Amino acid sequence: MQLTHVDFEHHGDIAIICLNNPDSGNTLSKKMALDLLSAAQAAEKDDSIRAVVFSARGPMFSFGGNLKEFKTSGTNPQDLTDTADCWHDAQNSFLNMPKPVIVGVNGMAAGGGVPMTLVGDIVLVDETARYRLAYTAAGLSPDGGSTWLLPRLIGMRRTQELLFENRELSASEAVEWGLATRTVPKDTARDAAIELAHQLSKGPTQAFASTRRLLHTSLNNNFLTQTKLETQEIGANMTGIDGQEGLDAFINKRLPVFSGKR
């Protein structure tokens, strides 16, 4: 892949994807959206990758959309549409890939930088980081899946507060509200995410994939529909390679050695 605004590294059974245009505040330009989509899809499709880290280079995570580029293309809405569609496809790839995603948040996440952080199963946030949606402050409405992700994670009222009042949250507040999992010491978010990814990459990858799918459908289904899906997934995992290994290890009081396969 020829990427210029996003780094993609493959280390053993994990992938590390980092926004890498710190001079612009890692703002989302059309090029970054294209690079991010390429990296996310590569990680999604590669079966040798069993966990993914998503983070950023430089002192901030992302200031969101590249407003200078958007202003230039303001007379041609199709340019903005193309960038948004590309980014949304990348977001969807992160959310639906059949392996855990760990996000390491360093510095400010503003505007579209906020929904970027929300695609992870575990979100580790630098204790000095801050969150601010800021869309309406620039006369814009939310994107990046903000209106889908935020109500599910923190509820409608808190989502409305963030979007209408442009309230800024500290790292600890982001954890308290449910935007992030836990804080980590300053300048360690990326390394902590990598360390956790290595741990999860040794786990039951297909069971993790089932868990991701089930959680993403849970708010759209009634109880019986959801539990039928649970039965299907646990049945498939129980009869698979990792399920049999996990059961045998539990019964024989030993540590399991998972292969990431059913």
Foldseek 3Di string as FASTA:
>chain_A
DDADQWDWDDDFQEIEIAGEDVVQQSEQALRSLQRLLVRLVVLLPDLSHAEYEYAYDDQFGHQYHSVVRCVVCVVPCVNVVSSQVSNLNSLVSLLQRLHFYEYFGGAEQEALSLLVQQSGPAYEYEQAHKYWNCQVVVPHAHGSCLVPRVCVFQNDVVSCCRRVVRDMGGPVVCCVRRSHVYYDYHPCRRVVRVVVSVVRSQAQSNLSSLVSVLVVCVVVDDPVVSVVSVVVSVVVLCPKDRNVQVVVCVVVVHDGGHPNTD
